[in-house]
Amino acid sequence: MKPRLLFATTNPGKLRELRGLVGDAVEVVSLSDLPPIPEPVEDQDTFEGNAEKKAREYAEATGLPALADDSGLCVDALGGRPGVYSARYAEGSDKARYEKLLGELSGVPDDERTAAFVCALCLALPGRGRAIIEVGRCEGRIGHEPRGSHGFGYDPVFVLPQGKALAELTSEEKAGISHRGVAFRKMRPHLLALAGGSPVGG
């Protein structure tokens, strides 16, 4: 019987990415597959801190190994904002958030619009033992207008070094280079160790 892993998300895009990376080795369930669980408060000031807090609390609440992520966009011209507040940067939709970002960067030239997506992933087991944290980054810059119809969040305004916006990539292309894809691939050996019964992080 395959081990079950809770990926602490209700985002179908994130869930597809993880299931694609671990294949059939682990049965990945999401928060949508379980009875309602109180949502941890994301009150840490780093991506790593929020990811670890969520993973530990969900592992304790469910008795399952839990994987949680915290990710966001760090824009150099804004001193690293929106950072850990990326999902709460503006009320409403993804479009409202990236439009606020474009407004803040109005008049900022291309060479000063550098930015990075950052994703911290944490794997925690029930019992509050060691937690494994992996971090991925994707470097680029903020464009002047949204482009593309794929992806979510700030993808339409995040331009990669080769000139395409993240939202112009297929999900497979994005998984190959995205901050979350990088973090997932770093975490994959730990998840496969879990599937094989080896000590996590060993």
C-alpha atoms as a PDB file:
ATOM      1  CA  MET A   1       0.000   0.000   0.000  1.00  0.00           C
ATOM      2  CA  LYS A   2       1.393   3.370  -1.014  1.00  0.00           C
ATOM      3  CA  PRO A   3       2.068   5.860   1.774  1.00  0.00           C
ATOM      4  CA  ARG A   4      -0.225   8.864   1.904  1.00  0.00           C
ATOM      5  CA  LEU A   5       1.138  12.375   1.874  1.00  0.00           C
ATOM      6  CA  LEU A   6      -0.926  15.447   2.632  1.00  0.00           C
ATOM      7  CA  PHE A   7      -0.041  18.383   0.430  1.00  0.00           C
ATOM      8  CA  ALA A   8      -1.453  21.283   2.388  1.00  0.00           C
ATOM      9  CA  THR A   9      -3.132  23.127  -0.455  1.00  0.00           C
ATOM     10  CA  THR A  10      -6.474  23.473  -2.170  1.00  0.00           C
ATOM     11  CA  ASN A  11      -4.813  24.863  -5.311  1.00  0.00           C
ATOM     12  CA  PRO A  12      -5.345  22.374  -8.165  1.00  0.00           C
ATOM     13  CA  GLY A  13      -2.401  23.773 -10.124  1.00  0.00           C
ATOM     14  CA  LYS A  14       0.045  23.121  -7.297  1.00  0.00           C
ATOM     15  CA  LEU A  15      -1.439  19.674  -6.721  1.00  0.00           C
ATOM     16  CA  ARG A  16      -0.984  18.679 -10.370  1.00  0.00           C
ATOM     17  CA  GLU A  17       2.643  19.815 -10.287  1.00  0.00           C
ATOM     18  CA  LEU A  18       3.474  17.699  -7.245  1.00  0.00           C
ATOM     19  CA  ARG A  19       1.624  14.614  -8.464  1.00  0.00           C
ATOM     20  CA  GLY A  20       3.474  14.896 -11.766  1.00  0.00           C
ATOM     21  CA  LEU A  21       6.831  14.959 -10.002  1.00  0.00           C
ATOM     22  CA  VAL A  22       6.340  12.083  -7.543  1.00  0.00           C
ATOM     23  CA  GLY A  23       4.371   9.858  -9.919  1.00  0.00           C
ATOM     24  CA  ASP A  24       2.845   6.752  -8.387  1.00  0.00           C
ATOM     25  CA  ALA A  25       5.325   6.388  -5.513  1.00  0.00           C
ATOM     26  CA  VAL A  26       3.168   8.312  -3.049  1.00  0.00           C
ATOM     27  CA  GLU A  27      -0.585   8.868  -2.805  1.00  0.00           C
ATOM     28  CA  VAL A  28      -0.850  12.645  -2.639  1.00  0.00           C
ATOM     29  CA  VAL A  29      -4.010  13.983  -1.009  1.00  0.00           C
ATOM     30  CA  SER A  30      -4.948  17.614  -0.590  1.00  0.00           C
ATOM     31  CA  LEU A  31      -6.882  19.545   2.011  1.00  0.00           C
ATOM     32  CA  SER A  32      -9.900  19.231  -0.277  1.00  0.00           C
ATOM     33  CA  ASP A  33      -9.814  15.443   0.225  1.00  0.00           C
ATOM     34  CA  LEU A  34     -10.029  15.641   4.028  1.00  0.00           C
ATOM     35  CA  PRO A  35     -12.568  16.911   6.553  1.00  0.00           C
ATOM     36  CA  PRO A  36     -12.129  20.621   7.330  1.00  0.00           C
ATOM     37  CA  ILE A  37      -8.998  21.433   9.334  1.00  0.00           C
ATOM     38  CA  PRO A  38      -8.343  24.813  10.984  1.00  0.00           C
ATOM     39  CA  GLU A  39      -5.991  26.766   8.770  1.00  0.00           C
ATOM     40  CA  PRO A  40      -2.686  27.768  10.399  1.00  0.00           C
ATOM     41  CA  VAL A  41      -2.051  31.483  10.666  1.00  0.00           C
ATOM     42  CA  GLU A  42       0.787  32.518   8.349  1.00  0.00           C
ATOM     43  CA  ASP A  43       2.432  34.924  10.770  1.00  0.00           C
ATOM     44  CA  GLN A  44       6.108  34.228  10.103  1.00  0.00           C
ATOM     45  CA  ASP A  45       8.305  36.752   8.324  1.00  0.00           C
ATOM     46  CA  THR A  46       9.997  34.274   5.971  1.00  0.00           C
ATOM     47  CA  PHE A  47       8.734  31.772   3.412  1.00  0.00           C
ATOM     48  CA  GLU A  48      10.597  29.015   5.264  1.00  0.00           C
ATOM     49  CA  GLY A  49       8.983  29.917   8.570  1.00  0.00           C
ATOM     50  CA  ASN A  50       5.453  29.894   7.155  1.00  0.00           C
ATOM     51  CA  ALA A  51       5.995  26.618   5.278  1.00  0.00           C
ATOM     52  CA  GLU A  52       7.341  24.879   8.381  1.00  0.00           C
ATOM     53  CA  LYS A  53       4.555  26.153  10.611  1.00  0.00           C
ATOM     54  CA  LYS A  54       1.899  24.925   8.189  1.00  0.00           C
ATOM     55  CA  ALA A  55       3.537  21.531   7.607  1.00  0.00           C
ATOM     56  CA  ARG A  56       3.966  20.828  11.320  1.00  0.00           C
ATOM     57  CA  GLU A  57       0.442  21.884  12.260  1.00  0.00           C
ATOM     58  CA  TYR A  58      -1.163  19.863   9.471  1.00  0.00           C
ATOM     59  CA  ALA A  59       0.959  16.790  10.278  1.00  0.00           C
ATOM     60  CA  GLU A  60      -0.193  16.932  13.893  1.00  0.00           C
ATOM     61  CA  ALA A  61      -3.827  17.563  12.959  1.00  0.00           C
ATOM     62  CA  THR A  62      -4.064  14.683  10.469  1.00  0.00           C
ATOM     63  CA  GLY A  63      -1.482  12.138  11.580  1.00  0.00           C
ATOM     64  CA  LEU A  64      -0.124  12.162   8.012  1.00  0.00           C
ATOM     65  CA  PRO A  65       3.240  13.306   6.694  1.00  0.00           C
ATOM     66  CA  ALA A  66       2.509  16.827   5.521  1.00  0.00           C
ATOM     67  CA  LEU A  67       4.095  18.926   2.823  1.00  0.00           C
ATOM     68  CA  ALA A  68       3.405  22.652   2.850  1.00  0.00           C
ATOM     69  CA  ASP A  69       4.706  25.483   0.781  1.00  0.00           C
ATOM     70  CA  ASP A  70       4.909  29.204   1.049  1.00  0.00           C
ATOM     71  CA  SER A  71       5.834  31.146  -1.999  1.00  0.00           C
ATOM     72  CA  GLY A  72       5.729  34.597  -3.375  1.00  0.00           C
ATOM     73  CA  LEU A  73       7.221  37.266  -5.525  1.00  0.00           C
ATOM     74  CA  CYS A  74      10.127  39.425  -4.387  1.00  0.00           C
ATOM     75  CA  VAL A  75      10.640  42.594  -6.433  1.00  0.00           C
ATOM     76  CA  ASP A  76      13.980  44.346  -5.984  1.00  0.00           C
ATOM     77  CA  ALA A  77      12.665  47.844  -6.752  1.00  0.00           C
ATOM     78  CA  LEU A  78      10.079  47.396  -3.978  1.00  0.00           C
ATOM     79  CA  GLY A  79      12.578  46.272  -1.353  1.00  0.00           C
ATOM     80  CA  GLY A  80      11.532  42.636  -1.697  1.00  0.00           C
ATOM     81  CA  ARG A  81       7.796  43.260  -1.582  1.00  0.00           C
ATOM     82  CA  PRO A  82       5.265  41.759  -1.845  1.00  0.00           C
ATOM     83  CA  GLY A  83       7.236  38.798  -0.450  1.00  0.00           C
ATOM     84  CA  VAL A  84       5.369  36.749   2.158  1.00  0.00           C
ATOM     85  CA  TYR A  85       2.341  38.986   1.579  1.00  0.00           C
ATOM     86  CA  SER A  86       2.102  38.112  -2.139  1.00  0.00           C
ATOM     87  CA  ALA A  87      -1.273  36.364  -1.805  1.00  0.00           C
ATOM     88  CA  ARG A  88      -2.625  39.214   0.329  1.00  0.00           C
ATOM     89  CA  TYR A  89      -1.070  42.074  -1.615  1.00  0.00           C
ATOM     90  CA  ALA A  90      -4.458  43.337  -2.809  1.00  0.00           C
ATOM     91  CA  GLU A  91      -8.049  42.336  -2.152  1.00  0.00           C
ATOM     92  CA  GLY A  92      -9.793  40.290  -4.786  1.00  0.00           C
ATOM     93  CA  SER A  93      -8.407  38.387  -7.742  1.00  0.00           C
ATOM     94  CA  ASP A  94      -4.951  37.554  -9.087  1.00  0.00           C
ATOM     95  CA  LYS A  95      -5.567  40.298 -11.635  1.00  0.00           C
ATOM     96  CA  ALA A  96      -6.114  42.849  -8.858  1.00  0.00           C
ATOM     97  CA  ARG A  97      -2.789  41.887  -7.308  1.00  0.00           C
ATOM     98  CA  TYR A  98      -0.687  42.060 -10.442  1.00  0.00           C
ATOM     99  CA  GLU A  99      -2.370  45.292 -11.514  1.00  0.00           C
ATOM    100  CA  LYS A 100      -1.431  46.840  -8.160  1.00  0.00           C
ATOM    101  CA  LEU A 101       2.140  45.652  -8.728  1.00  0.00           C
ATOM    102  CA  LEU A 102       2.256  47.174 -12.212  1.00  0.00           C
ATOM    103  CA  GLY A 103       0.925  50.426 -10.766  1.00  0.00           C
ATOM    104  CA  GLU A 104       3.657  50.542  -8.130  1.00  0.00           C
ATOM    105  CA  LEU A 105       6.288  49.937 -10.806  1.00  0.00           C
ATOM    106  CA  SER A 106       4.925  52.529 -13.213  1.00  0.00           C
ATOM    107  CA  GLY A 107       7.836  54.462 -14.697  1.00  0.00           C
ATOM    108  CA  VAL A 108      10.489  52.046 -13.390  1.00  0.00           C
ATOM    109  CA  PRO A 109      12.822  51.109 -16.295  1.00  0.00           C
ATOM    110  CA  ASP A 110      13.379  47.510 -17.374  1.00  0.00           C
ATOM    111  CA  ASP A 111      16.816  47.141 -15.824  1.00  0.00           C
ATOM    112  CA  GLU A 112      15.392  48.030 -12.414  1.00  0.00           C
ATOM    113  CA  ARG A 113      12.394  45.674 -12.606  1.00  0.00           C
ATOM    114  CA  THR A 114      14.320  42.566 -11.542  1.00  0.00           C
ATOM    115  CA  ALA A 115      12.431  40.086  -9.417  1.00  0.00           C
ATOM    116  CA  ALA A 116      12.392  36.483  -8.261  1.00  0.00           C
ATOM    117  CA  PHE A 117       9.718  33.991  -7.416  1.00  0.00           C
ATOM    118  CA  VAL A 118      10.690  32.091  -4.260  1.00  0.00           C
ATOM    119  CA  CYS A 119       9.154  28.852  -2.982  1.00  0.00           C
ATOM    120  CA  ALA A 120       9.919  27.206   0.349  1.00  0.00           C
ATOM    121  CA  LEU A 121       8.687  23.639   0.813  1.00  0.00           C
ATOM    122  CA  CYS A 122       8.609  21.894   4.170  1.00  0.00           C
ATOM    123  CA  LEU A 123       8.018  18.198   4.823  1.00  0.00           C
ATOM    124  CA  ALA A 124       7.047  17.390   8.403  1.00  0.00           C
ATOM    125  CA  LEU A 125       6.120  14.085  10.013  1.00  0.00           C
ATOM    126  CA  PRO A 126       3.677  13.672  12.889  1.00  0.00           C
ATOM    127  CA  GLY A 127       5.433  13.855  16.251  1.00  0.00           C
ATOM    128  CA  ARG A 128       7.252  17.168  15.795  1.00  0.00           C
ATOM    129  CA  GLY A 129      10.566  15.631  14.830  1.00  0.00           C
ATOM    130  CA  ARG A 130      12.914  16.981  12.210  1.00  0.00           C
ATOM    131  CA  ALA A 131      11.412  18.943   9.338  1.00  0.00           C
ATOM    132  CA  ILE A 132      12.970  19.094   5.879  1.00  0.00           C
ATOM    133  CA  ILE A 133      12.982  22.446   4.076  1.00  0.00           C
ATOM    134  CA  GLU A 134      13.963  23.031   0.452  1.00  0.00           C
ATOM    135  CA  VAL A 135      13.904  26.370  -1.379  1.00  0.00           C
ATOM    136  CA  GLY A 136      13.606  27.114  -5.093  1.00  0.00           C
ATOM    137  CA  ARG A 137      14.034  30.388  -6.963  1.00  0.00           C
ATOM    138  CA  CYS A 138      13.119  31.581 -10.434  1.00  0.00           C
ATOM    139  CA  GLU A 139      14.778  34.803 -11.576  1.00  0.00           C
ATOM    140  CA  GLY A 140      13.264  37.286 -13.992  1.00  0.00           C
ATOM    141  CA  ARG A 141      11.760  40.753 -14.162  1.00  0.00           C
ATOM    142  CA  ILE A 142       8.341  42.362 -14.067  1.00  0.00           C
ATOM    143  CA  GLY A 143       6.919  43.220 -17.473  1.00  0.00           C
ATOM    144  CA  HIS A 144       4.823  46.264 -18.314  1.00  0.00           C
ATOM    145  CA  GLU A 145       1.596  44.414 -19.161  1.00  0.00           C
ATOM    146  CA  PRO A 146       0.139  40.928 -18.647  1.00  0.00           C
ATOM    147  CA  ARG A 147       0.827  38.262 -21.272  1.00  0.00           C
ATOM    148  CA  GLY A 148      -0.271  34.667 -21.700  1.00  0.00           C
ATOM    149  CA  SER A 149      -3.228  32.621 -20.555  1.00  0.00           C
ATOM    150  CA  HIS A 150      -1.584  29.824 -18.562  1.00  0.00           C
ATOM    151  CA  GLY A 151      -0.506  29.752 -14.944  1.00  0.00           C
ATOM    152  CA  PHE A 152      -1.903  31.745 -12.072  1.00  0.00           C
ATOM    153  CA  GLY A 153      -0.974  34.477  -9.619  1.00  0.00           C
ATOM    154  CA  TYR A 154       1.656  36.879 -10.937  1.00  0.00           C
ATOM    155  CA  ASP A 155       2.649  34.617 -13.861  1.00  0.00           C
ATOM    156  CA  PRO A 156       1.268  36.967 -16.573  1.00  0.00           C
ATOM    157  CA  VAL A 157       3.580  39.827 -15.552  1.00  0.00           C
ATOM    158  CA  PHE A 158       6.708  37.800 -14.656  1.00  0.00           C
ATOM    159  CA  VAL A 159       9.072  37.781 -17.625  1.00  0.00           C
ATOM    160  CA  LEU A 160      11.830  35.173 -17.858  1.00  0.00           C
ATOM    161  CA  PRO A 161      15.354  35.971 -19.126  1.00  0.00           C
ATOM    162  CA  GLN A 162      14.490  34.456 -22.530  1.00  0.00           C
ATOM    163  CA  GLY A 163      11.670  36.997 -22.908  1.00  0.00           C
ATOM    164  CA  LYS A 164       8.541  34.920 -22.311  1.00  0.00           C
ATOM    165  CA  ALA A 165       6.125  35.543 -19.471  1.00  0.00           C
ATOM    166  CA  LEU A 166       5.557  32.557 -17.178  1.00  0.00           C
ATOM    167  CA  ALA A 167       1.896  32.550 -18.241  1.00  0.00           C
ATOM    168  CA  GLU A 168       2.988  31.927 -21.835  1.00  0.00           C
ATOM    169  CA  LEU A 169       4.527  28.558 -20.929  1.00  0.00           C
ATOM    170  CA  THR A 170       2.731  25.230 -20.815  1.00  0.00           C
ATOM    171  CA  SER A 171       2.409  23.628 -17.396  1.00  0.00           C
ATOM    172  CA  GLU A 172       5.172  21.173 -18.355  1.00  0.00           C
ATOM    173  CA  GLU A 173       7.506  23.970 -19.442  1.00  0.00           C
ATOM    174  CA  LYS A 174       6.758  25.930 -16.296  1.00  0.00           C
ATOM    175  CA  ALA A 175       7.382  22.958 -14.018  1.00  0.00           C
ATOM    176  CA  GLY A 176      10.836  22.624 -15.566  1.00  0.00           C
ATOM    177  CA  ILE A 177      11.994  26.082 -14.493  1.00  0.00           C
ATOM    178  CA  SER A 178       9.623  27.507 -11.909  1.00  0.00           C
ATOM    179  CA  HIS A 179      10.535  28.224  -8.303  1.00  0.00           C
ATOM    180  CA  ARG A 180       8.038  25.574  -7.221  1.00  0.00           C
ATOM    181  CA  GLY A 181       9.385  23.072  -9.735  1.00  0.00           C
ATOM    182  CA  VAL A 182      12.931  23.640  -8.458  1.00  0.00           C
ATOM    183  CA  ALA A 183      11.830  23.225  -4.844  1.00  0.00           C
ATOM    184  CA  PHE A 184       9.762  20.125  -5.670  1.00  0.00           C
ATOM    185  CA  ARG A 185      12.708  18.474  -7.422  1.00  0.00           C
ATOM    186  CA  LYS A 186      14.926  19.187  -4.425  1.00  0.00           C
ATOM    187  CA  MET A 187      12.251  17.678  -2.162  1.00  0.00           C
ATOM    188  CA  ARG A 188      11.598  14.657  -4.389  1.00  0.00           C
ATOM    189  CA  PRO A 189      14.347  12.419  -2.887  1.00  0.00           C
ATOM    190  CA  HIS A 190      12.904  12.978   0.585  1.00  0.00           C
ATOM    191  CA  LEU A 191       9.418  12.052  -0.662  1.00  0.00           C
ATOM    192  CA  LEU A 192      10.728   8.927  -2.373  1.00  0.00           C
ATOM    193  CA  ALA A 193      12.560   8.005   0.829  1.00  0.00           C
ATOM    194  CA  LEU A 194       9.226   8.325   2.604  1.00  0.00           C
ATOM    195  CA  ALA A 195       7.655   6.033   0.010  1.00  0.00           C
ATOM    196  CA  GLY A 196      10.443   3.489   0.433  1.00  0.00           C
ATOM    197  CA  GLY A 197      10.312   3.517   4.219  1.00  0.00           C
ATOM    198  CA  SER A 198      13.720   5.171   4.598  1.00  0.00           C
ATOM    199  CA  PRO A 199      14.319   7.869   7.209  1.00  0.00           C
ATOM    200  CA  VAL A 200      13.281  11.239   5.875  1.00  0.00           C
ATOM    201  CA  GLY A 201      16.310  13.465   5.481  1.00  0.00           C
ATOM    202  CA  GLY A 202      18.616  10.510   5.978  1.00  0.00           C
END
